[in-house]
Amino acid sequence: MRVDERTRVLRNEILLVLGVSLGASAAYSVVSLVAKLTAQRALSQQTTALNTSLAPGRPWLDLTYQLMAVFFGIVPALLAIHLMSRDPGGARGLLGLTWTTPRRLGLDLAYGAGLAAVIGIPGLGLYLLARELNINTIVAPANLPPIWWAVPVLILAAAENAVLEEVVVVGYLVSRLNEIGFRAWQAVAASAVLRGSYHLYQGFGAFIGNAVMGAIFGLFFARTRRVLPLVIAHALLDIVAYLGYAALKGRVGFLS
């Protein structure tokens, strides 16, 4: 395939992958923010509820919906991996999804935990500041009923978010943008802006915080070509947010 022909194919591929995943989420997020900004209440007085019941009062049906949402949520990531698997080196090599020794896996876990710490604590401070400045909604991360499957589902939802976002928005997108001629910093910037954009439904503070997170994660991937530490970091951040909120809501003032 000629270079210009491959570039055209990859551009279309990028648009299609994003169109069935987080690109579409970004478009909906912009509309959601417009709706919030034109409502009668200030942004900081509105609540964005995540992980809500999908069949209130019908726990087994609710669980079925929750598990289906998790399964189908990772399909775009699997699609991206499938598309990259046809390239020289394969998806595992291009995304760093290889573990030749236990030490390699240990390093990925350590990097993931370190990134989670670097992002998590400042991120909470930015969220509180954004609320004070009236540029963010109140985010309620966990709103499932108090039932036996709530904690496992929240953990699965966190893992799904991590796999989807880090594989598609960092590993896949940065790699593909590099292939079609973007410089490394341009690809990282595009990835970061996209990450911030699909969080706009929470407010401008969420856009800023997630864009910064996206820049850090993008730079890490550009340097190491390993996406697993990013998946680990993201999953840890979401698990702490979901389970921490579920355990502390109603007890800690800034959570409401």
C-alpha atoms as a PDB file:
ATOM      1  CA  MET A   1       0.000   0.000   0.000  1.00  0.00           C
ATOM      2  CA  ARG A   2       1.382   3.439  -0.914  1.00  0.00           C
ATOM      3  CA  VAL A   3       2.218   5.864   1.899  1.00  0.00           C
ATOM      4  CA  ASP A   4      -0.495   8.369   0.997  1.00  0.00           C
ATOM      5  CA  GLU A   5      -3.051   5.563   0.622  1.00  0.00           C
ATOM      6  CA  ARG A   6      -2.145   4.139   4.056  1.00  0.00           C
ATOM      7  CA  THR A   7      -2.391   7.608   5.615  1.00  0.00           C
ATOM      8  CA  ARG A   8      -5.888   8.020   4.199  1.00  0.00           C
ATOM      9  CA  VAL A   9      -6.933   4.590   5.449  1.00  0.00           C
ATOM     10  CA  LEU A  10      -5.537   5.266   8.914  1.00  0.00           C
ATOM     11  CA  ARG A  11      -7.253   8.654   9.133  1.00  0.00           C
ATOM     12  CA  ASN A  12     -10.581   7.025   8.335  1.00  0.00           C
ATOM     13  CA  GLU A  13      -9.847   4.228  10.781  1.00  0.00           C
ATOM     14  CA  ILE A  14      -9.114   6.718  13.573  1.00  0.00           C
ATOM     15  CA  LEU A  15     -12.353   8.597  12.921  1.00  0.00           C
ATOM     16  CA  LEU A  16     -14.375   5.388  12.900  1.00  0.00           C
ATOM     17  CA  VAL A  17     -12.822   3.983  16.087  1.00  0.00           C
ATOM     18  CA  LEU A  18     -13.371   7.274  17.914  1.00  0.00           C
ATOM     19  CA  GLY A  19     -16.831   7.596  16.378  1.00  0.00           C
ATOM     20  CA  VAL A  20     -17.975   4.385  18.046  1.00  0.00           C
ATOM     21  CA  SER A  21     -16.259   5.138  21.342  1.00  0.00           C
ATOM     22  CA  LEU A  22     -14.830   8.171  23.097  1.00  0.00           C
ATOM     23  CA  GLY A  23     -15.148  10.601  20.204  1.00  0.00           C
ATOM     24  CA  ALA A  24     -18.897  10.121  20.393  1.00  0.00           C
ATOM     25  CA  SER A  25     -18.697  10.504  24.181  1.00  0.00           C
ATOM     26  CA  ALA A  26     -16.916  13.834  23.695  1.00  0.00           C
ATOM     27  CA  ALA A  27     -19.695  15.112  21.411  1.00  0.00           C
ATOM     28  CA  TYR A  28     -22.410  14.099  23.880  1.00  0.00           C
ATOM     29  CA  SER A  29     -20.364  15.602  26.699  1.00  0.00           C
ATOM     30  CA  VAL A  30     -20.251  19.015  25.013  1.00  0.00           C
ATOM     31  CA  VAL A  31     -24.040  18.994  24.581  1.00  0.00           C
ATOM     32  CA  SER A  32     -24.468  17.908  28.202  1.00  0.00           C
ATOM     33  CA  LEU A  33     -22.319  20.812  29.374  1.00  0.00           C
ATOM     34  CA  VAL A  34     -24.348  23.270  27.301  1.00  0.00           C
ATOM     35  CA  ALA A  35     -27.502  21.907  28.927  1.00  0.00           C
ATOM     36  CA  LYS A  36     -26.024  22.399  32.390  1.00  0.00           C
ATOM     37  CA  LEU A  37     -24.783  25.916  31.625  1.00  0.00           C
ATOM     38  CA  THR A  38     -28.221  26.966  30.377  1.00  0.00           C
ATOM     39  CA  ALA A  39     -30.066  25.480  33.365  1.00  0.00           C
ATOM     40  CA  GLN A  40     -31.482  27.682  36.117  1.00  0.00           C
ATOM     41  CA  ARG A  41     -28.941  26.578  38.732  1.00  0.00           C
ATOM     42  CA  ALA A  42     -25.238  27.364  39.009  1.00  0.00           C
ATOM     43  CA  LEU A  43     -22.893  24.665  37.765  1.00  0.00           C
ATOM     44  CA  SER A  44     -21.551  24.010  41.266  1.00  0.00           C
ATOM     45  CA  GLN A  45     -25.102  23.319  42.512  1.00  0.00           C
ATOM     46  CA  GLN A  46     -25.769  20.598  39.947  1.00  0.00           C
ATOM     47  CA  THR A  47     -24.885  16.943  40.474  1.00  0.00           C
ATOM     48  CA  THR A  48     -23.404  14.533  37.966  1.00  0.00           C
ATOM     49  CA  ALA A  49     -24.258  11.004  39.070  1.00  0.00           C
ATOM     50  CA  LEU A  50     -22.105   8.111  37.837  1.00  0.00           C
ATOM     51  CA  ASN A  51     -22.648   4.370  38.205  1.00  0.00           C
ATOM     52  CA  THR A  52     -26.376   4.582  38.770  1.00  0.00           C
ATOM     53  CA  SER A  53     -28.947   1.803  38.928  1.00  0.00           C
ATOM     54  CA  LEU A  54     -30.133   0.709  35.475  1.00  0.00           C
ATOM     55  CA  ALA A  55     -33.237  -1.126  36.714  1.00  0.00           C
ATOM     56  CA  PRO A  56     -34.298   0.307  40.089  1.00  0.00           C
ATOM     57  CA  GLY A  57     -36.062  -2.177  42.306  1.00  0.00           C
ATOM     58  CA  ARG A  58     -35.136  -5.165  40.101  1.00  0.00           C
ATOM     59  CA  PRO A  59     -31.687  -6.235  41.376  1.00  0.00           C
ATOM     60  CA  TRP A  60     -31.049  -9.206  39.062  1.00  0.00           C
ATOM     61  CA  LEU A  61     -32.083  -7.274  35.977  1.00  0.00           C
ATOM     62  CA  ASP A  62     -29.987  -4.348  37.202  1.00  0.00           C
ATOM     63  CA  LEU A  63     -26.971  -6.627  37.601  1.00  0.00           C
ATOM     64  CA  THR A  64     -27.500  -7.994  34.093  1.00  0.00           C
ATOM     65  CA  TYR A  65     -27.553  -4.484  32.637  1.00  0.00           C
ATOM     66  CA  GLN A  66     -24.459  -3.490  34.621  1.00  0.00           C
ATOM     67  CA  LEU A  67     -22.451  -6.483  33.396  1.00  0.00           C
ATOM     68  CA  MET A  68     -23.567  -5.921  29.819  1.00  0.00           C
ATOM     69  CA  ALA A  69     -22.484  -2.278  30.045  1.00  0.00           C
ATOM     70  CA  VAL A  70     -19.033  -3.343  31.258  1.00  0.00           C
ATOM     71  CA  PHE A  71     -18.657  -5.983  28.533  1.00  0.00           C
ATOM     72  CA  PHE A  72     -19.758  -3.827  25.623  1.00  0.00           C
ATOM     73  CA  GLY A  73     -17.825  -0.875  27.038  1.00  0.00           C
ATOM     74  CA  ILE A  74     -14.490  -2.553  26.358  1.00  0.00           C
ATOM     75  CA  VAL A  75     -15.374  -3.645  22.807  1.00  0.00           C
ATOM     76  CA  PRO A  76     -13.902  -0.474  21.191  1.00  0.00           C
ATOM     77  CA  ALA A  77     -10.629  -1.207  22.994  1.00  0.00           C
ATOM     78  CA  LEU A  78     -10.683  -4.761  21.650  1.00  0.00           C
ATOM     79  CA  LEU A  79     -11.407  -3.351  18.190  1.00  0.00           C
ATOM     80  CA  ALA A  80      -8.396  -1.031  18.436  1.00  0.00           C
ATOM     81  CA  ILE A  81      -6.183  -3.925  19.519  1.00  0.00           C
ATOM     82  CA  HIS A  82      -7.525  -6.051  16.644  1.00  0.00           C
ATOM     83  CA  LEU A  83      -6.770  -3.338  14.099  1.00  0.00           C
ATOM     84  CA  MET A  84      -3.257  -2.833  15.436  1.00  0.00           C
ATOM     85  CA  SER A  85      -2.611  -6.589  15.522  1.00  0.00           C
ATOM     86  CA  ARG A  86      -2.316  -6.521  11.721  1.00  0.00           C
ATOM     87  CA  ASP A  87       0.650  -4.134  11.857  1.00  0.00           C
ATOM     88  CA  PRO A  88       4.306  -5.230  11.951  1.00  0.00           C
ATOM     89  CA  GLY A  89       5.119  -5.968  15.568  1.00  0.00           C
ATOM     90  CA  GLY A  90       1.493  -6.663  16.439  1.00  0.00           C
ATOM     91  CA  ALA A  91      -0.703  -4.929  18.988  1.00  0.00           C
ATOM     92  CA  ARG A  92       1.036  -6.519  21.974  1.00  0.00           C
ATOM     93  CA  GLY A  93       4.394  -5.192  20.851  1.00  0.00           C
ATOM     94  CA  LEU A  94       3.117  -1.758  19.798  1.00  0.00           C
ATOM     95  CA  LEU A  95       1.212  -1.232  23.056  1.00  0.00           C
ATOM     96  CA  GLY A  96       3.716  -2.923  25.340  1.00  0.00           C
ATOM     97  CA  LEU A  97       1.306  -5.680  26.363  1.00  0.00           C
ATOM     98  CA  THR A  98       4.127  -8.154  26.890  1.00  0.00           C
ATOM     99  CA  TRP A  99       5.504  -9.596  30.115  1.00  0.00           C
ATOM    100  CA  THR A 100       8.672 -11.554  29.475  1.00  0.00           C
ATOM    101  CA  THR A 101       9.628 -11.719  33.170  1.00  0.00           C
ATOM    102  CA  PRO A 102       7.904 -11.261  36.554  1.00  0.00           C
ATOM    103  CA  ARG A 103      10.153  -8.223  37.035  1.00  0.00           C
ATOM    104  CA  ARG A 104       8.570  -6.538  33.986  1.00  0.00           C
ATOM    105  CA  LEU A 105       5.092  -7.005  35.420  1.00  0.00           C
ATOM    106  CA  GLY A 106       6.310  -5.761  38.796  1.00  0.00           C
ATOM    107  CA  LEU A 107       7.657  -2.604  37.166  1.00  0.00           C
ATOM    108  CA  ASP A 108       4.357  -2.013  35.390  1.00  0.00           C
ATOM    109  CA  LEU A 109       2.495  -2.364  38.687  1.00  0.00           C
ATOM    110  CA  ALA A 110       4.912  -0.004  40.430  1.00  0.00           C
ATOM    111  CA  TYR A 111       4.687   2.608  37.681  1.00  0.00           C
ATOM    112  CA  GLY A 112       0.908   2.322  37.718  1.00  0.00           C
ATOM    113  CA  ALA A 113       0.686   2.853  41.467  1.00  0.00           C
ATOM    114  CA  GLY A 114       3.097   5.780  41.247  1.00  0.00           C
ATOM    115  CA  LEU A 115       1.135   7.460  38.471  1.00  0.00           C
ATOM    116  CA  ALA A 116      -2.094   6.993  40.449  1.00  0.00           C
ATOM    117  CA  ALA A 117      -0.546   8.763  43.438  1.00  0.00           C
ATOM    118  CA  VAL A 118       0.823  11.601  41.297  1.00  0.00           C
ATOM    119  CA  ILE A 119      -2.575  12.182  39.665  1.00  0.00           C
ATOM    120  CA  GLY A 120      -4.965  11.364  42.495  1.00  0.00           C
ATOM    121  CA  ILE A 121      -4.069  13.742  45.311  1.00  0.00           C
ATOM    122  CA  PRO A 122      -3.683  16.919  43.198  1.00  0.00           C
ATOM    123  CA  GLY A 123      -6.770  15.859  41.251  1.00  0.00           C
ATOM    124  CA  LEU A 124      -8.926  15.948  44.392  1.00  0.00           C
ATOM    125  CA  GLY A 125      -7.622  19.418  45.200  1.00  0.00           C
ATOM    126  CA  LEU A 126      -8.395  20.639  41.678  1.00  0.00           C
ATOM    127  CA  TYR A 127     -11.930  19.226  41.914  1.00  0.00           C
ATOM    128  CA  LEU A 128     -12.597  21.084  45.172  1.00  0.00           C
ATOM    129  CA  LEU A 129     -11.135  24.310  43.742  1.00  0.00           C
ATOM    130  CA  ALA A 130     -13.231  23.985  40.579  1.00  0.00           C
ATOM    131  CA  ARG A 131     -16.383  23.640  42.651  1.00  0.00           C
ATOM    132  CA  GLU A 132     -15.497  26.730  44.658  1.00  0.00           C
ATOM    133  CA  LEU A 133     -14.954  28.640  41.414  1.00  0.00           C
ATOM    134  CA  ASN A 134     -18.337  27.410  40.093  1.00  0.00           C
ATOM    135  CA  ILE A 135     -16.797  25.734  37.052  1.00  0.00           C
ATOM    136  CA  ASN A 136     -17.638  22.156  37.966  1.00  0.00           C
ATOM    137  CA  THR A 137     -20.632  20.125  39.041  1.00  0.00           C
ATOM    138  CA  ILE A 138     -20.813  17.984  42.151  1.00  0.00           C
ATOM    139  CA  VAL A 139     -19.613  14.569  41.011  1.00  0.00           C
ATOM    140  CA  ALA A 140     -21.239  11.570  42.708  1.00  0.00           C
ATOM    141  CA  PRO A 141     -19.099   8.646  41.491  1.00  0.00           C
ATOM    142  CA  ALA A 142     -21.044   5.710  42.948  1.00  0.00           C
ATOM    143  CA  ASN A 143     -24.840   5.496  43.166  1.00  0.00           C
ATOM    144  CA  LEU A 144     -25.671   1.798  43.115  1.00  0.00           C
ATOM    145  CA  PRO A 145     -28.111   0.402  45.689  1.00  0.00           C
ATOM    146  CA  PRO A 146     -26.636  -1.209  48.839  1.00  0.00           C
ATOM    147  CA  ILE A 147     -26.605  -4.751  47.482  1.00  0.00           C
ATOM    148  CA  TRP A 148     -24.067  -7.597  47.486  1.00  0.00           C
ATOM    149  CA  TRP A 149     -22.949  -7.059  43.888  1.00  0.00           C
ATOM    150  CA  ALA A 150     -22.408  -3.294  44.133  1.00  0.00           C
ATOM    151  CA  VAL A 151     -18.702  -3.413  45.058  1.00  0.00           C
ATOM    152  CA  PRO A 152     -17.712  -6.012  42.413  1.00  0.00           C
ATOM    153  CA  VAL A 153     -19.629  -4.084  39.749  1.00  0.00           C
ATOM    154  CA  LEU A 154     -17.933  -0.817  40.737  1.00  0.00           C
ATOM    155  CA  ILE A 155     -14.523  -2.507  40.472  1.00  0.00           C
ATOM    156  CA  LEU A 156     -15.429  -3.952  37.070  1.00  0.00           C
ATOM    157  CA  ALA A 157     -16.665  -0.536  35.910  1.00  0.00           C
ATOM    158  CA  ALA A 158     -13.366   1.015  36.998  1.00  0.00           C
ATOM    159  CA  ALA A 159     -11.424  -1.644  35.081  1.00  0.00           C
ATOM    160  CA  GLU A 160     -13.596  -1.148  31.999  1.00  0.00           C
ATOM    161  CA  ASN A 161     -13.030   2.621  32.037  1.00  0.00           C
ATOM    162  CA  ALA A 162      -9.295   2.087  32.413  1.00  0.00           C
ATOM    163  CA  VAL A 163      -8.982  -0.412  29.561  1.00  0.00           C
ATOM    164  CA  LEU A 164     -11.204   1.579  27.194  1.00  0.00           C
ATOM    165  CA  GLU A 165      -9.608   4.970  27.767  1.00  0.00           C
ATOM    166  CA  GLU A 166      -5.961   4.006  28.001  1.00  0.00           C
ATOM    167  CA  VAL A 167      -5.990   1.566  25.084  1.00  0.00           C
ATOM    168  CA  VAL A 168      -8.032   3.784  22.749  1.00  0.00           C
ATOM    169  CA  VAL A 169      -7.087   7.344  23.739  1.00  0.00           C
ATOM    170  CA  VAL A 170      -3.422   6.751  24.558  1.00  0.00           C
ATOM    171  CA  GLY A 171      -2.069   3.520  23.119  1.00  0.00           C
ATOM    172  CA  TYR A 172      -4.091   3.413  19.911  1.00  0.00           C
ATOM    173  CA  LEU A 173      -4.554   7.122  19.188  1.00  0.00           C
ATOM    174  CA  VAL A 174      -1.005   8.268  19.934  1.00  0.00           C
ATOM    175  CA  SER A 175       0.422   5.386  17.895  1.00  0.00           C
ATOM    176  CA  ARG A 176      -1.853   6.006  14.921  1.00  0.00           C
ATOM    177  CA  LEU A 177      -1.314   9.779  14.956  1.00  0.00           C
ATOM    178  CA  ASN A 178       2.436   9.174  14.936  1.00  0.00           C
ATOM    179  CA  GLU A 179       1.977   6.925  11.905  1.00  0.00           C
ATOM    180  CA  ILE A 180       0.125   9.577   9.897  1.00  0.00           C
ATOM    181  CA  GLY A 181       2.741  12.229  10.543  1.00  0.00           C
ATOM    182  CA  PHE A 182       1.946  13.883  13.882  1.00  0.00           C
ATOM    183  CA  ARG A 183       4.944  14.789  15.984  1.00  0.00           C
ATOM    184  CA  ALA A 184       5.097  13.169  19.408  1.00  0.00           C
ATOM    185  CA  TRP A 185       3.971  16.309  21.274  1.00  0.00           C
ATOM    186  CA  GLN A 186       1.122  16.870  18.817  1.00  0.00           C
ATOM    187  CA  ALA A 187      -0.168  13.324  19.274  1.00  0.00           C
ATOM    188  CA  VAL A 188       0.055  13.637  23.061  1.00  0.00           C
ATOM    189  CA  ALA A 189      -1.727  17.014  22.974  1.00  0.00           C
ATOM    190  CA  ALA A 190      -4.541  15.626  20.799  1.00  0.00           C
ATOM    191  CA  SER A 191      -4.953  12.670  23.156  1.00  0.00           C
ATOM    192  CA  ALA A 192      -5.044  14.965  26.203  1.00  0.00           C
ATOM    193  CA  VAL A 193      -7.623  17.325  24.685  1.00  0.00           C
ATOM    194  CA  LEU A 194      -9.845  14.385  23.721  1.00  0.00           C
ATOM    195  CA  ARG A 195      -9.640  12.981  27.263  1.00  0.00           C
ATOM    196  CA  GLY A 196     -10.624  16.332  28.704  1.00  0.00           C
ATOM    197  CA  SER A 197     -13.439  16.748  26.162  1.00  0.00           C
ATOM    198  CA  TYR A 198     -15.342  13.593  27.033  1.00  0.00           C
ATOM    199  CA  HIS A 199     -15.308  14.653  30.693  1.00  0.00           C
ATOM    200  CA  LEU A 200     -16.854  18.064  29.978  1.00  0.00           C
ATOM    201  CA  TYR A 201     -20.264  16.806  31.130  1.00  0.00           C
ATOM    202  CA  GLN A 202     -18.863  17.167  34.665  1.00  0.00           C
ATOM    203  CA  GLY A 203     -17.723  20.753  34.108  1.00  0.00           C
ATOM    204  CA  PHE A 204     -14.685  22.777  33.088  1.00  0.00           C
ATOM    205  CA  GLY A 205     -12.671  21.618  36.086  1.00  0.00           C
ATOM    206  CA  ALA A 206     -13.017  18.027  34.914  1.00  0.00           C
ATOM    207  CA  PHE A 207     -11.836  19.062  31.453  1.00  0.00           C
ATOM    208  CA  ILE A 208      -8.708  20.705  32.856  1.00  0.00           C
ATOM    209  CA  GLY A 209      -7.900  17.921  35.307  1.00  0.00           C
ATOM    210  CA  ASN A 210      -8.370  15.131  32.790  1.00  0.00           C
ATOM    211  CA  ALA A 211      -6.464  16.999  30.075  1.00  0.00           C
ATOM    212  CA  VAL A 212      -3.502  17.328  32.448  1.00  0.00           C
ATOM    213  CA  MET A 213      -3.815  13.642  33.326  1.00  0.00           C
ATOM    214  CA  GLY A 214      -3.965  12.858  29.610  1.00  0.00           C
ATOM    215  CA  ALA A 215      -0.791  14.842  28.942  1.00  0.00           C
ATOM    216  CA  ILE A 216       1.090  13.007  31.706  1.00  0.00           C
ATOM    217  CA  PHE A 217      -0.166   9.615  30.549  1.00  0.00           C
ATOM    218  CA  GLY A 218       0.536  10.441  26.904  1.00  0.00           C
ATOM    219  CA  LEU A 219       4.099  11.501  27.660  1.00  0.00           C
ATOM    220  CA  PHE A 220       4.636   8.343  29.687  1.00  0.00           C
ATOM    221  CA  PHE A 221       3.437   6.197  26.791  1.00  0.00           C
ATOM    222  CA  ALA A 222       5.478   8.156  24.237  1.00  0.00           C
ATOM    223  CA  ARG A 223       8.570   7.476  26.333  1.00  0.00           C
ATOM    224  CA  THR A 224       7.963   3.854  27.357  1.00  0.00           C
ATOM    225  CA  ARG A 225       5.513   2.517  24.721  1.00  0.00           C
ATOM    226  CA  ARG A 226       3.748   0.614  27.521  1.00  0.00           C
ATOM    227  CA  VAL A 227       0.037   1.070  28.122  1.00  0.00           C
ATOM    228  CA  LEU A 228      -0.433  -1.396  31.010  1.00  0.00           C
ATOM    229  CA  PRO A 229       0.886   0.973  33.735  1.00  0.00           C
ATOM    230  CA  LEU A 230      -1.665   3.530  32.544  1.00  0.00           C
ATOM    231  CA  VAL A 231      -4.479   0.976  32.763  1.00  0.00           C
ATOM    232  CA  ILE A 232      -3.367   0.073  36.290  1.00  0.00           C
ATOM    233  CA  ALA A 233      -3.127   3.718  37.363  1.00  0.00           C
ATOM    234  CA  HIS A 234      -6.525   4.611  35.928  1.00  0.00           C
ATOM    235  CA  ALA A 235      -8.188   1.556  37.473  1.00  0.00           C
ATOM    236  CA  LEU A 236      -6.715   2.381  40.898  1.00  0.00           C
ATOM    237  CA  LEU A 237      -7.909   5.991  40.664  1.00  0.00           C
ATOM    238  CA  ASP A 238     -11.447   4.969  39.766  1.00  0.00           C
ATOM    239  CA  ILE A 239     -11.640   2.164  42.326  1.00  0.00           C
ATOM    240  CA  VAL A 240     -10.583   4.522  45.116  1.00  0.00           C
ATOM    241  CA  ALA A 241     -13.032   7.185  43.905  1.00  0.00           C
ATOM    242  CA  TYR A 242     -15.966   4.777  43.557  1.00  0.00           C
ATOM    243  CA  LEU A 243     -15.491   2.734  46.710  1.00  0.00           C
ATOM    244  CA  GLY A 244     -14.331   5.705  48.771  1.00  0.00           C
ATOM    245  CA  TYR A 245     -17.386   7.728  47.803  1.00  0.00           C
ATOM    246  CA  ALA A 246     -19.729   4.812  48.474  1.00  0.00           C
ATOM    247  CA  ALA A 247     -18.227   4.344  51.931  1.00  0.00           C
ATOM    248  CA  LEU A 248     -18.014   8.023  52.925  1.00  0.00           C
ATOM    249  CA  LYS A 249     -20.976   9.791  51.327  1.00  0.00           C
ATOM    250  CA  GLY A 250     -23.155  11.404  53.942  1.00  0.00           C
ATOM    251  CA  ARG A 251     -20.219  11.465  56.381  1.00  0.00           C
ATOM    252  CA  VAL A 252     -17.817  13.879  54.671  1.00  0.00           C
ATOM    253  CA  GLY A 253     -19.056  17.360  53.760  1.00  0.00           C
ATOM    254  CA  PHE A 254     -17.241  17.953  50.473  1.00  0.00           C
ATOM    255  CA  LEU A 255     -18.698  14.780  48.958  1.00  0.00           C
ATOM    256  CA  SER A 256     -22.127  16.382  48.668  1.00  0.00           C
END
